Amino acid sequence: MIQHRNQLTSNAGFIYQPIGNLIDPGLTRREMEIMSYISFPDKIIAALLNISIRTVINHSVSIRRKTGCLSKGELIRYAANKQIIN
């Protein structure tokens, strides 16, 4: 993970940027926060948000259920298509 001034870049090359007012219908604020880091490993997301890894996994499962994505890879593509991540 590489950190720049106001952005983080994951090892997969996706850039995290604060999501501001971007809200996806049906997702909670915390789920959107998880989505903005979805290209990072769960352990890193947990550390960044100061929550347990199990909480990250629970949110990810809920997000996948709401978006219809079957895997983390699909979820990353979904987030990129919705411009939640670059």
PDB file of N, CA and C in Angstrom:
ATOM      1  N   MET A   1       0.837  -1.164   0.000  1.00  0.00           N
ATOM      2  CA  MET A   1       0.000   0.000   0.000  1.00  0.00           C
ATOM      3  C   MET A   1       0.888   1.234   0.000  1.00  0.00           C
ATOM      4  N   ILE A   2       0.577   2.161  -0.857  1.00  0.00           N
ATOM      5  CA  ILE A   2       1.332   3.404  -0.982  1.00  0.00           C
ATOM      6  C   ILE A   2       0.425   4.546  -0.544  1.00  0.00           C
ATOM      7  N   GLN A   3       0.940   5.433   0.291  1.00  0.00           N
ATOM      8  CA  GLN A   3       0.131   6.547   0.759  1.00  0.00           C
ATOM      9  C   GLN A   3       0.662   7.852   0.182  1.00  0.00           C
ATOM     10  N   HIS A   4      -0.225   8.618  -0.423  1.00  0.00           N
ATOM     11  CA  HIS A   4       0.075   9.955  -0.916  1.00  0.00           C
ATOM     12  C   HIS A   4      -0.717  10.934  -0.056  1.00  0.00           C
ATOM     13  N   ARG A   5      -0.699  12.183  -0.400  1.00  0.00           N
ATOM     14  CA  ARG A   5      -1.362  13.178   0.437  1.00  0.00           C
ATOM     15  C   ARG A   5      -2.791  12.814   0.815  1.00  0.00           C
ATOM     16  N   ASN A   6      -3.712  12.841  -0.123  1.00  0.00           N
ATOM     17  CA  ASN A   6      -5.110  12.561   0.186  1.00  0.00           C
ATOM     18  C   ASN A   6      -5.596  11.283  -0.467  1.00  0.00           C
ATOM     19  N   GLN A   7      -4.699  10.392  -0.799  1.00  0.00           N
ATOM     20  CA  GLN A   7      -5.141   9.156  -1.419  1.00  0.00           C
ATOM     21  C   GLN A   7      -4.229   8.004  -1.048  1.00  0.00           C
ATOM     22  N   LEU A   8      -4.770   6.818  -1.101  1.00  0.00           N
ATOM     23  CA  LEU A   8      -4.031   5.590  -0.872  1.00  0.00           C
ATOM     24  C   LEU A   8      -4.107   4.764  -2.140  1.00  0.00           C
ATOM     25  N   THR A   9      -3.058   4.036  -2.450  1.00  0.00           N
ATOM     26  CA  THR A   9      -3.059   3.151  -3.600  1.00  0.00           C
ATOM     27  C   THR A   9      -2.818   1.740  -3.103  1.00  0.00           C
ATOM     28  N   SER A  10      -3.706   0.827  -3.472  1.00  0.00           N
ATOM     29  CA  SER A  10      -3.544  -0.558  -3.053  1.00  0.00           C
ATOM     30  C   SER A  10      -2.528  -1.238  -3.942  1.00  0.00           C
ATOM     31  N   ASN A  11      -2.111  -2.443  -3.540  1.00  0.00           N
ATOM     32  CA  ASN A  11      -1.166  -3.204  -4.350  1.00  0.00           C
ATOM     33  C   ASN A  11      -1.755  -3.555  -5.704  1.00  0.00           C
ATOM     34  N   ALA A  12      -3.084  -3.596  -5.810  1.00  0.00           N
ATOM     35  CA  ALA A  12      -3.743  -3.894  -7.083  1.00  0.00           C
ATOM     36  C   ALA A  12      -3.765  -2.673  -7.998  1.00  0.00           C
ATOM     37  N   GLY A  13      -3.308  -1.536  -7.498  1.00  0.00           N
ATOM     38  CA  GLY A  13      -3.237  -0.331  -8.327  1.00  0.00           C
ATOM     39  C   GLY A  13      -4.469   0.549  -8.262  1.00  0.00           C
ATOM     40  N   PHE A  14      -5.484   0.162  -7.485  1.00  0.00           N
ATOM     41  CA  PHE A  14      -6.670   0.991  -7.350  1.00  0.00           C
ATOM     42  C   PHE A  14      -6.367   2.136  -6.391  1.00  0.00           C
ATOM     43  N   ILE A  15      -6.934   3.280  -6.662  1.00  0.00           N
ATOM     44  CA  ILE A  15      -6.706   4.462  -5.836  1.00  0.00           C
ATOM     45  C   ILE A  15      -7.933   4.697  -4.970  1.00  0.00           C
ATOM     46  N   TYR A  16      -7.715   4.824  -3.669  1.00  0.00           N
ATOM     47  CA  TYR A  16      -8.797   5.188  -2.757  1.00  0.00           C
ATOM     48  C   TYR A  16      -8.848   6.702  -2.689  1.00  0.00           C
ATOM     49  N   GLN A  17     -10.053   7.234  -2.827  1.00  0.00           N
ATOM     50  CA  GLN A  17     -10.268   8.655  -2.611  1.00  0.00           C
ATOM     51  C   GLN A  17     -11.511   8.786  -1.737  1.00  0.00           C
ATOM     52  N   PRO A  18     -11.560   9.747  -0.840  1.00  0.00           N
ATOM     53  CA  PRO A  18     -12.746   9.913  -0.014  1.00  0.00           C
ATOM     54  C   PRO A  18     -14.000   9.992  -0.873  1.00  0.00           C
ATOM     55  N   ILE A  19     -15.077   9.342  -0.437  1.00  0.00           N
ATOM     56  CA  ILE A  19     -16.259   9.217  -1.284  1.00  0.00           C
ATOM     57  C   ILE A  19     -17.206  10.400  -1.188  1.00  0.00           C
ATOM     58  N   GLY A  20     -17.006  11.279  -0.240  1.00  0.00           N
ATOM     59  CA  GLY A  20     -17.847  12.465  -0.145  1.00  0.00           C
ATOM     60  C   GLY A  20     -19.309  12.104  -0.021  1.00  0.00           C
ATOM     61  N   ASN A  21     -20.162  12.641  -0.906  1.00  0.00           N
ATOM     62  CA  ASN A  21     -21.599  12.426  -0.843  1.00  0.00           C
ATOM     63  C   ASN A  21     -22.066  11.280  -1.727  1.00  0.00           C
ATOM     64  N   LEU A  22     -21.141  10.503  -2.287  1.00  0.00           N
ATOM     65  CA  LEU A  22     -21.519   9.396  -3.155  1.00  0.00           C
ATOM     66  C   LEU A  22     -22.212   8.314  -2.328  1.00  0.00           C
ATOM     67  N   ILE A  23     -23.473   8.073  -2.613  1.00  0.00           N
ATOM     68  CA  ILE A  23     -24.222   7.062  -1.866  1.00  0.00           C
ATOM     69  C   ILE A  23     -24.872   6.110  -2.862  1.00  0.00           C
ATOM     70  N   ASP A  24     -24.623   4.824  -2.677  1.00  0.00           N
ATOM     71  CA  ASP A  24     -25.226   3.802  -3.515  1.00  0.00           C
ATOM     72  C   ASP A  24     -26.515   3.355  -2.836  1.00  0.00           C
ATOM     73  N   PRO A  25     -27.627   3.330  -3.556  1.00  0.00           N
ATOM     74  CA  PRO A  25     -28.903   2.954  -2.947  1.00  0.00           C
ATOM     75  C   PRO A  25     -28.813   1.602  -2.231  1.00  0.00           C
ATOM     76  N   GLY A  26     -29.303   1.573  -1.017  1.00  0.00           N
ATOM     77  CA  GLY A  26     -29.343   0.327  -0.268  1.00  0.00           C
ATOM     78  C   GLY A  26     -28.125   0.058   0.594  1.00  0.00           C
ATOM     79  N   LEU A  27     -27.049   0.785   0.410  1.00  0.00           N
ATOM     80  CA  LEU A  27     -25.842   0.568   1.216  1.00  0.00           C
ATOM     81  C   LEU A  27     -25.781   1.609   2.337  1.00  0.00           C
ATOM     82  N   THR A  28     -25.379   1.141   3.517  1.00  0.00           N
ATOM     83  CA  THR A  28     -25.226   2.059   4.645  1.00  0.00           C
ATOM     84  C   THR A  28     -23.950   2.885   4.468  1.00  0.00           C
ATOM     85  N   ARG A  29     -23.811   3.904   5.303  1.00  0.00           N
ATOM     86  CA  ARG A  29     -22.607   4.743   5.256  1.00  0.00           C
ATOM     87  C   ARG A  29     -21.363   3.885   5.488  1.00  0.00           C
ATOM     88  N   ARG A  30     -21.421   2.973   6.446  1.00  0.00           N
ATOM     89  CA  ARG A  30     -20.264   2.133   6.756  1.00  0.00           C
ATOM     90  C   ARG A  30     -19.967   1.170   5.608  1.00  0.00           C
ATOM     91  N   GLU A  31     -21.007   0.637   4.977  1.00  0.00           N
ATOM     92  CA  GLU A  31     -20.804  -0.243   3.823  1.00  0.00           C
ATOM     93  C   GLU A  31     -20.143   0.518   2.678  1.00  0.00           C
ATOM     94  N   MET A  32     -20.534   1.771   2.472  1.00  0.00           N
ATOM     95  CA  MET A  32     -19.890   2.584   1.437  1.00  0.00           C
ATOM     96  C   MET A  32     -18.431   2.845   1.796  1.00  0.00           C
ATOM     97  N   GLU A  33     -18.162   3.024   3.068  1.00  0.00           N
ATOM     98  CA  GLU A  33     -16.793   3.224   3.530  1.00  0.00           C
ATOM     99  C   GLU A  33     -15.951   1.973   3.240  1.00  0.00           C
ATOM    100  N   ILE A  34     -16.518   0.805   3.528  1.00  0.00           N
ATOM    101  CA  ILE A  34     -15.837  -0.465   3.221  1.00  0.00           C
ATOM    102  C   ILE A  34     -15.632  -0.575   1.709  1.00  0.00           C
ATOM    103  N   MET A  35     -16.649  -0.217   0.927  1.00  0.00           N
ATOM    104  CA  MET A  35     -16.551  -0.295  -0.541  1.00  0.00           C
ATOM    105  C   MET A  35     -15.411   0.580  -1.070  1.00  0.00           C
ATOM    106  N   SER A  36     -15.192   1.716  -0.443  1.00  0.00           N
ATOM    107  CA  SER A  36     -14.150   2.616  -0.932  1.00  0.00           C
ATOM    108  C   SER A  36     -12.748   2.029  -0.748  1.00  0.00           C
ATOM    109  N   TYR A  37     -12.625   1.034   0.132  1.00  0.00           N
ATOM    110  CA  TYR A  37     -11.341   0.365   0.367  1.00  0.00           C
ATOM    111  C   TYR A  37     -11.338  -1.075  -0.147  1.00  0.00           C
ATOM    112  N   ILE A  38     -12.337  -1.478  -0.921  1.00  0.00           N
ATOM    113  CA  ILE A  38     -12.576  -2.887  -1.222  1.00  0.00           C
ATOM    114  C   ILE A  38     -11.407  -3.574  -1.938  1.00  0.00           C
ATOM    115  N   SER A  39     -10.542  -2.831  -2.598  1.00  0.00           N
ATOM    116  CA  SER A  39      -9.402  -3.465  -3.274  1.00  0.00           C
ATOM    117  C   SER A  39      -8.258  -3.794  -2.309  1.00  0.00           C
ATOM    118  N   PHE A  40      -8.380  -3.389  -1.055  1.00  0.00           N
ATOM    119  CA  PHE A  40      -7.383  -3.691  -0.032  1.00  0.00           C
ATOM    120  C   PHE A  40      -7.732  -5.012   0.652  1.00  0.00           C
ATOM    121  N   PRO A  41      -6.749  -5.699   1.228  1.00  0.00           N
ATOM    122  CA  PRO A  41      -7.044  -6.904   2.023  1.00  0.00           C
ATOM    123  C   PRO A  41      -7.906  -6.543   3.240  1.00  0.00           C
ATOM    124  N   ASP A  42      -8.743  -7.491   3.681  1.00  0.00           N
ATOM    125  CA  ASP A  42      -9.632  -7.245   4.827  1.00  0.00           C
ATOM    126  C   ASP A  42      -8.872  -6.780   6.059  1.00  0.00           C
ATOM    127  N   LYS A  43      -7.701  -7.331   6.281  1.00  0.00           N
ATOM    128  CA  LYS A  43      -6.889  -6.961   7.454  1.00  0.00           C
ATOM    129  C   LYS A  43      -6.515  -5.470   7.414  1.00  0.00           C
ATOM    130  N   ILE A  44      -6.175  -4.975   6.229  1.00  0.00           N
ATOM    131  CA  ILE A  44      -5.814  -3.559   6.073  1.00  0.00           C
ATOM    132  C   ILE A  44      -7.040  -2.668   6.276  1.00  0.00           C
ATOM    133  N   ILE A  45      -8.180  -3.085   5.690  1.00  0.00           N
ATOM    134  CA  ILE A  45      -9.422  -2.313   5.850  1.00  0.00           C
ATOM    135  C   ILE A  45      -9.755  -2.206   7.339  1.00  0.00           C
ATOM    136  N   ALA A  46      -9.657  -3.318   8.052  1.00  0.00           N
ATOM    137  CA  ALA A  46      -9.951  -3.319   9.488  1.00  0.00           C
ATOM    138  C   ALA A  46      -9.044  -2.343  10.238  1.00  0.00           C
ATOM    139  N   ALA A  47      -7.767  -2.349   9.907  1.00  0.00           N
ATOM    140  CA  ALA A  47      -6.819  -1.445  10.575  1.00  0.00           C
ATOM    141  C   ALA A  47      -7.118   0.019  10.235  1.00  0.00           C
ATOM    142  N   LEU A  48      -7.420   0.302   8.969  1.00  0.00           N
ATOM    143  CA  LEU A  48      -7.702   1.679   8.554  1.00  0.00           C
ATOM    144  C   LEU A  48      -8.957   2.236   9.223  1.00  0.00           C
ATOM    145  N   LEU A  49      -9.969   1.373   9.404  1.00  0.00           N
ATOM    146  CA  LEU A  49     -11.240   1.825   9.973  1.00  0.00           C
ATOM    147  C   LEU A  49     -11.358   1.532  11.467  1.00  0.00           C
ATOM    148  N   ASN A  50     -10.301   0.928  12.038  1.00  0.00           N
ATOM    149  CA  ASN A  50     -10.274   0.616  13.468  1.00  0.00           C
ATOM    150  C   ASN A  50     -11.455  -0.263  13.889  1.00  0.00           C
ATOM    151  N   ILE A  51     -11.697  -1.322  13.081  1.00  0.00           N
ATOM    152  CA  ILE A  51     -12.733  -2.299  13.381  1.00  0.00           C
ATOM    153  C   ILE A  51     -12.129  -3.692  13.241  1.00  0.00           C
ATOM    154  N   SER A  52     -12.843  -4.711  13.684  1.00  0.00           N
ATOM    155  CA  SER A  52     -12.313  -6.072  13.597  1.00  0.00           C
ATOM    156  C   SER A  52     -12.401  -6.605  12.159  1.00  0.00           C
ATOM    157  N   ILE A  53     -11.566  -7.585  11.864  1.00  0.00           N
ATOM    158  CA  ILE A  53     -11.583  -8.224  10.544  1.00  0.00           C
ATOM    159  C   ILE A  53     -12.945  -8.885  10.332  1.00  0.00           C
ATOM    160  N   ARG A  54     -13.504  -9.487  11.371  1.00  0.00           N
ATOM    161  CA  ARG A  54     -14.815 -10.144  11.264  1.00  0.00           C
ATOM    162  C   ARG A  54     -15.889  -9.137  10.867  1.00  0.00           C
ATOM    163  N   THR A  55     -15.823  -7.913  11.396  1.00  0.00           N
ATOM    164  CA  THR A  55     -16.783  -6.868  11.038  1.00  0.00           C
ATOM    165  C   THR A  55     -16.642  -6.508   9.562  1.00  0.00           C
ATOM    166  N   VAL A  56     -15.409  -6.415   9.083  1.00  0.00           N
ATOM    167  CA  VAL A  56     -15.174  -6.135   7.662  1.00  0.00           C
ATOM    168  C   VAL A  56     -15.784  -7.247   6.812  1.00  0.00           C
ATOM    169  N   ILE A  57     -15.561  -8.494   7.204  1.00  0.00           N
ATOM    170  CA  ILE A  57     -16.103  -9.634   6.454  1.00  0.00           C
ATOM    171  C   ILE A  57     -17.631  -9.592   6.458  1.00  0.00           C
ATOM    172  N   ASN A  58     -18.234  -9.306   7.613  1.00  0.00           N
ATOM    173  CA  ASN A  58     -19.700  -9.221   7.687  1.00  0.00           C
ATOM    174  C   ASN A  58     -20.239  -8.131   6.773  1.00  0.00           C
ATOM    175  N   HIS A  59     -19.600  -6.966   6.770  1.00  0.00           N
ATOM    176  CA  HIS A  59     -20.033  -5.883   5.880  1.00  0.00           C
ATOM    177  C   HIS A  59     -19.855  -6.290   4.418  1.00  0.00           C
ATOM    178  N   SER A  60     -18.749  -6.952   4.102  1.00  0.00           N
ATOM    179  CA  SER A  60     -18.494  -7.379   2.722  1.00  0.00           C
ATOM    180  C   SER A  60     -19.556  -8.363   2.237  1.00  0.00           C
ATOM    181  N   VAL A  61     -19.948  -9.282   3.116  1.00  0.00           N
ATOM    182  CA  VAL A  61     -21.003 -10.240   2.766  1.00  0.00           C
ATOM    183  C   VAL A  61     -22.316  -9.502   2.509  1.00  0.00           C
ATOM    184  N   SER A  62     -22.634  -8.545   3.364  1.00  0.00           N
ATOM    185  CA  SER A  62     -23.852  -7.750   3.197  1.00  0.00           C
ATOM    186  C   SER A  62     -23.817  -6.951   1.892  1.00  0.00           C
ATOM    187  N   ILE A  63     -22.672  -6.365   1.591  1.00  0.00           N
ATOM    188  CA  ILE A  63     -22.516  -5.586   0.349  1.00  0.00           C
ATOM    189  C   ILE A  63     -22.690  -6.496  -0.857  1.00  0.00           C
ATOM    190  N   ARG A  64     -22.075  -7.680  -0.818  1.00  0.00           N
ATOM    191  CA  ARG A  64     -22.200  -8.623  -1.947  1.00  0.00           C
ATOM    192  C   ARG A  64     -23.655  -9.044  -2.135  1.00  0.00           C
ATOM    193  N   ARG A  65     -24.358  -9.269  -1.040  1.00  0.00           N
ATOM    194  CA  ARG A  65     -25.769  -9.645  -1.118  1.00  0.00           C
ATOM    195  C   ARG A  65     -26.591  -8.523  -1.761  1.00  0.00           C
ATOM    196  N   LYS A  66     -26.349  -7.278  -1.346  1.00  0.00           N
ATOM    197  CA  LYS A  66     -27.110  -6.139  -1.856  1.00  0.00           C
ATOM    198  C   LYS A  66     -26.781  -5.803  -3.305  1.00  0.00           C
ATOM    199  N   THR A  67     -25.537  -6.040  -3.718  1.00  0.00           N
ATOM    200  CA  THR A  67     -25.127  -5.698  -5.091  1.00  0.00           C
ATOM    201  C   THR A  67     -25.254  -6.863  -6.061  1.00  0.00           C
ATOM    202  N   GLY A  68     -25.420  -8.067  -5.523  1.00  0.00           N
ATOM    203  CA  GLY A  68     -25.511  -9.239  -6.383  1.00  0.00           C
ATOM    204  C   GLY A  68     -24.156  -9.774  -6.824  1.00  0.00           C
ATOM    205  N   CYS A  69     -23.083  -9.269  -6.247  1.00  0.00           N
ATOM    206  CA  CYS A  69     -21.738  -9.734  -6.594  1.00  0.00           C
ATOM    207  C   CYS A  69     -21.449 -11.047  -5.860  1.00  0.00           C
ATOM    208  N   LEU A  70     -20.817 -11.983  -6.546  1.00  0.00           N
ATOM    209  CA  LEU A  70     -20.555 -13.297  -5.965  1.00  0.00           C
ATOM    210  C   LEU A  70     -19.157 -13.434  -5.375  1.00  0.00           C
ATOM    211  N   SER A  71     -18.249 -12.531  -5.720  1.00  0.00           N
ATOM    212  CA  SER A  71     -16.875 -12.632  -5.226  1.00  0.00           C
ATOM    213  C   SER A  71     -16.316 -11.241  -4.967  1.00  0.00           C
ATOM    214  N   LYS A  72     -15.177 -11.208  -4.294  1.00  0.00           N
ATOM    215  CA  LYS A  72     -14.526  -9.926  -4.036  1.00  0.00           C
ATOM    216  C   LYS A  72     -14.064  -9.283  -5.349  1.00  0.00           C
ATOM    217  N   GLY A  73     -13.633 -10.109  -6.283  1.00  0.00           N
ATOM    218  CA  GLY A  73     -13.230  -9.589  -7.591  1.00  0.00           C
ATOM    219  C   GLY A  73     -14.374  -8.898  -8.313  1.00  0.00           C
ATOM    220  N   GLU A  74     -15.553  -9.500  -8.271  1.00  0.00           N
ATOM    221  CA  GLU A  74     -16.738  -8.870  -8.867  1.00  0.00           C
ATOM    222  C   GLU A  74     -17.061  -7.568  -8.151  1.00  0.00           C
ATOM    223  N   LEU A  75     -16.905  -7.576  -6.830  1.00  0.00           N
ATOM    224  CA  LEU A  75     -17.194  -6.387  -6.030  1.00  0.00           C
ATOM    225  C   LEU A  75     -16.225  -5.249  -6.376  1.00  0.00           C
ATOM    226  N   ILE A  76     -14.973  -5.578  -6.627  1.00  0.00           N
ATOM    227  CA  ILE A  76     -13.987  -4.570  -7.029  1.00  0.00           C
ATOM    228  C   ILE A  76     -14.368  -3.976  -8.384  1.00  0.00           C
ATOM    229  N   ARG A  77     -14.770  -4.834  -9.326  1.00  0.00           N
ATOM    230  CA  ARG A  77     -15.216  -4.337 -10.636  1.00  0.00           C
ATOM    231  C   ARG A  77     -16.468  -3.465 -10.497  1.00  0.00           C
ATOM    232  N   TYR A  78     -17.395  -3.894  -9.651  1.00  0.00           N
ATOM    233  CA  TYR A  78     -18.613  -3.119  -9.392  1.00  0.00           C
ATOM    234  C   TYR A  78     -18.252  -1.725  -8.857  1.00  0.00           C
ATOM    235  N   ALA A  79     -17.361  -1.691  -7.862  1.00  0.00           N
ATOM    236  CA  ALA A  79     -16.943  -0.417  -7.262  1.00  0.00           C
ATOM    237  C   ALA A  79     -16.242   0.470  -8.292  1.00  0.00           C
ATOM    238  N   ALA A  80     -15.443  -0.119  -9.175  1.00  0.00           N
ATOM    239  CA  ALA A  80     -14.760   0.651 -10.214  1.00  0.00           C
ATOM    240  C   ALA A  80     -15.776   1.207 -11.209  1.00  0.00           C
ATOM    241  N   ASN A  81     -16.757   0.395 -11.588  1.00  0.00           N
ATOM    242  CA  ASN A  81     -17.787   0.842 -12.535  1.00  0.00           C
ATOM    243  C   ASN A  81     -18.645   1.960 -11.962  1.00  0.00           C
ATOM    244  N   LYS A  82     -18.896   1.917 -10.654  1.00  0.00           N
ATOM    245  CA  LYS A  82     -19.672   2.964  -9.972  1.00  0.00           C
ATOM    246  C   LYS A  82     -18.802   4.162  -9.578  1.00  0.00           C
ATOM    247  N   GLN A  83     -17.526   4.103  -9.916  1.00  0.00           N
ATOM    248  CA  GLN A  83     -16.548   5.143  -9.622  1.00  0.00           C
ATOM    249  C   GLN A  83     -16.399   5.384  -8.122  1.00  0.00           C
ATOM    250  N   ILE A  84     -16.560   4.303  -7.336  1.00  0.00           N
ATOM    251  CA  ILE A  84     -16.291   4.374  -5.909  1.00  0.00           C
ATOM    252  C   ILE A  84     -14.791   4.273  -5.686  1.00  0.00           C
ATOM    253  N   ILE A  85     -14.122   3.493  -6.551  1.00  0.00           N
ATOM    254  CA  ILE A  85     -12.662   3.436  -6.584  1.00  0.00           C
ATOM    255  C   ILE A  85     -12.226   3.725  -8.010  1.00  0.00           C
ATOM    256  N   ASN A  86     -10.990   4.160  -8.162  1.00  0.00           N
ATOM    257  CA  ASN A  86     -10.469   4.454  -9.518  1.00  0.00           C
ATOM    258  C   ASN A  86      -9.569   3.337  -9.987  1.00  0.00           C
TER     259      ASN A  86
END
